[in-house]
Amino acid sequence: GTSFGSFPFDTRQEQRAVSFFGGIAPSVDIMLFELFPGVDVVVMDRMATLLTNMQAQFNKRVIIVEFGIATNFFAPGVNGEEAQVTWTVRAMDAFTKANPQPVATILYNYRDSISGEYYGMLRADGTARPLHDAFYAALR
């Protein structure tokens, strides 16, 4: 497989993904996506449709190799750890509605580095963010 990704993943990027995989689909066994949807409700709600359509159009399964929402993503309605929970769980829900569901989904990332990315379920000091428990609860 080969990977396609961008931030934020929006309608324009969806069109680019179709073009990208249209050119390479005969040469790959699986499509890999990096999906950082930002906080656009319309885009988030289209994730399942996007994944379903891409798999049908190219007759290839999907792995989401990275997805996540940062705690320092400064956008309306998203700033902080509780917003990270809300939007990450919403993305996970969208992925489960794809038919077929992705082969695998990988959250970026488990623990923040010392340099301070803000995507982790654990802070750089190892303490759990609210996303840690919410993530595992959403998997059940």
Protein backbone atom coordinates (compact mmCIF):
# COMPACT_ATOMS: atom_id res chain seq x y z
CA GLY A 1 0.00 0.00 0.00
CA THR A 2 0.88 3.64 -0.14
CA SER A 3 -0.34 6.51 1.98
CA PHE A 4 -2.34 9.64 1.26
CA GLY A 5 -2.83 12.30 3.87
CA SER A 6 -3.28 15.96 4.57
CA PHE A 7 -4.41 18.33 7.26
CA PRO A 8 -7.15 19.14 7.52
CA PHE A 9 -8.77 16.41 5.50
CA ASP A 10 -11.60 18.20 3.74
CA THR A 11 -13.64 18.03 0.52
CA ARG A 12 -10.76 19.37 -1.58
CA GLN A 13 -8.41 16.74 -0.16
CA GLU A 14 -11.03 14.06 -0.78
CA GLN A 15 -10.93 14.95 -4.50
CA ARG A 16 -7.13 14.80 -4.45
CA ALA A 17 -7.28 11.35 -2.79
CA VAL A 18 -9.55 10.03 -5.56
CA SER A 19 -7.12 11.32 -8.18
CA PHE A 20 -4.09 9.97 -6.30
CA PHE A 21 -5.46 6.46 -5.80
CA GLY A 22 -6.93 6.47 -9.30
CA GLY A 23 -3.39 6.68 -10.61
CA ILE A 24 -1.83 4.01 -8.40
CA ALA A 25 -4.67 1.62 -7.49
CA PRO A 26 -3.61 -1.10 -9.95
CA SER A 27 -0.18 -1.20 -8.26
CA VAL A 28 -1.21 -1.48 -4.59
CA ASP A 29 -3.01 -4.05 -2.46
CA ILE A 30 -4.39 -1.64 0.12
CA MET A 31 -4.97 2.11 0.50
CA LEU A 32 -3.46 3.87 3.49
CA PHE A 33 -4.92 7.14 4.76
CA GLU A 34 -3.71 9.76 7.20
CA LEU A 35 -6.98 11.37 8.25
CA PHE A 36 -6.74 14.49 10.34
CA PRO A 37 -10.27 15.81 9.84
CA GLY A 38 -9.98 18.95 11.91
CA VAL A 39 -13.28 20.00 13.41
CA ASP A 40 -15.54 20.40 10.41
CA VAL A 41 -18.79 18.60 11.25
CA VAL A 42 -19.67 18.12 7.58
CA VAL A 43 -16.28 16.57 6.78
CA MET A 44 -16.38 14.41 9.90
CA ASP A 45 -19.82 13.09 9.01
CA ARG A 46 -18.65 12.29 5.45
CA MET A 47 -15.76 10.10 6.62
CA ALA A 48 -17.78 6.87 6.47
CA THR A 49 -19.05 7.72 2.98
CA LEU A 50 -15.55 8.60 1.81
CA LEU A 51 -14.07 5.33 3.07
CA THR A 52 -16.96 3.26 1.68
CA ASN A 53 -16.79 4.96 -1.72
CA MET A 54 -13.01 4.73 -2.01
CA GLN A 55 -13.05 1.00 -1.25
CA ALA A 56 -15.84 0.38 -3.77
CA GLN A 57 -14.33 2.55 -6.50
CA PHE A 58 -10.87 1.00 -6.35
CA ASN A 59 -11.74 -2.46 -5.00
CA LYS A 60 -9.11 -2.03 -2.27
CA ARG A 61 -9.40 -2.13 1.51
CA VAL A 62 -8.35 0.80 3.71
CA ILE A 63 -6.05 1.21 6.69
CA ILE A 64 -6.13 4.51 8.53
CA VAL A 65 -2.48 4.80 9.48
CA GLU A 66 -2.85 8.05 11.43
CA PHE A 67 -5.68 10.13 12.80
CA GLY A 68 -6.03 12.50 15.71
CA ILE A 69 -7.06 15.85 17.13
CA ALA A 70 -4.58 17.95 19.08
CA THR A 71 -5.41 19.53 22.43
CA ASN A 72 -3.90 22.79 21.21
CA PHE A 73 -5.85 22.90 17.94
CA PHE A 74 -7.01 26.49 18.03
CA ALA A 75 -10.30 26.50 16.19
CA PRO A 76 -13.81 27.40 17.28
CA GLY A 77 -15.02 24.72 19.64
CA VAL A 78 -11.71 22.86 19.83
CA ASN A 79 -9.22 23.88 22.41
CA GLY A 80 -8.29 21.55 25.17
CA GLU A 81 -8.52 18.02 26.35
CA GLU A 82 -12.31 17.65 26.48
CA ALA A 83 -12.62 18.87 22.89
CA GLN A 84 -9.95 16.32 21.91
CA VAL A 85 -12.17 13.59 23.40
CA THR A 86 -15.32 14.82 21.64
CA TRP A 87 -13.78 15.05 18.17
CA THR A 88 -11.62 11.92 18.37
CA VAL A 89 -14.56 9.76 19.46
CA ARG A 90 -16.69 11.31 16.72
CA ALA A 91 -14.03 10.36 14.13
CA MET A 92 -13.86 6.81 15.51
CA ASP A 93 -17.63 6.55 15.20
CA ALA A 94 -17.47 7.68 11.57
CA PHE A 95 -14.82 5.07 10.77
CA THR A 96 -17.00 2.27 12.18
CA LYS A 97 -19.84 3.26 9.85
CA ALA A 98 -17.75 2.64 6.72
CA ASN A 99 -18.70 -0.49 4.81
CA PRO A 100 -16.49 -2.39 4.97
CA GLN A 101 -14.81 -0.94 8.04
CA PRO A 102 -11.11 -0.10 7.79
CA VAL A 103 -8.78 -3.07 8.27
CA ALA A 104 -7.07 -1.10 11.06
CA THR A 105 -7.03 2.39 12.53
CA ILE A 106 -4.02 3.88 14.27
CA LEU A 107 -4.37 6.86 16.60
CA TYR A 108 -1.64 9.49 16.43
CA ASN A 109 -0.13 9.29 19.02
CA TYR A 110 -0.18 7.38 22.28
CA ARG A 111 2.11 9.65 24.30
CA ASP A 112 3.27 13.18 23.66
CA SER A 113 6.96 13.68 23.19
CA ILE A 114 8.94 15.92 25.50
CA SER A 115 9.04 18.49 22.71
CA GLY A 116 5.30 18.78 23.10
CA GLU A 117 3.06 17.56 20.38
CA TYR A 118 -0.44 17.65 21.73
CA TYR A 119 -2.12 14.60 20.20
CA GLY A 120 -1.34 11.95 22.80
CA MET A 121 -3.62 10.01 25.08
CA LEU A 122 -0.84 10.48 27.61
CA ARG A 123 0.89 13.75 28.34
CA ALA A 124 4.68 13.93 28.03
CA ASP A 125 4.97 13.28 31.79
CA GLY A 126 3.04 9.99 31.37
CA THR A 127 -0.20 11.08 33.03
CA ALA A 128 -3.41 10.16 31.23
CA ARG A 129 -5.52 12.69 29.39
CA PRO A 130 -9.31 12.25 29.38
CA LEU A 131 -8.92 10.80 25.86
CA HIS A 132 -7.17 7.72 27.28
CA ASP A 133 -10.28 6.32 29.02
CA ALA A 134 -12.70 7.65 26.39
CA PHE A 135 -10.71 5.98 23.60
CA TYR A 136 -10.85 2.56 25.22
CA ALA A 137 -14.52 3.00 26.12
CA ALA A 138 -15.30 3.85 22.48
CA LEU A 139 -13.62 0.63 21.36
CA ARG A 140 -16.07 -1.45 23.40
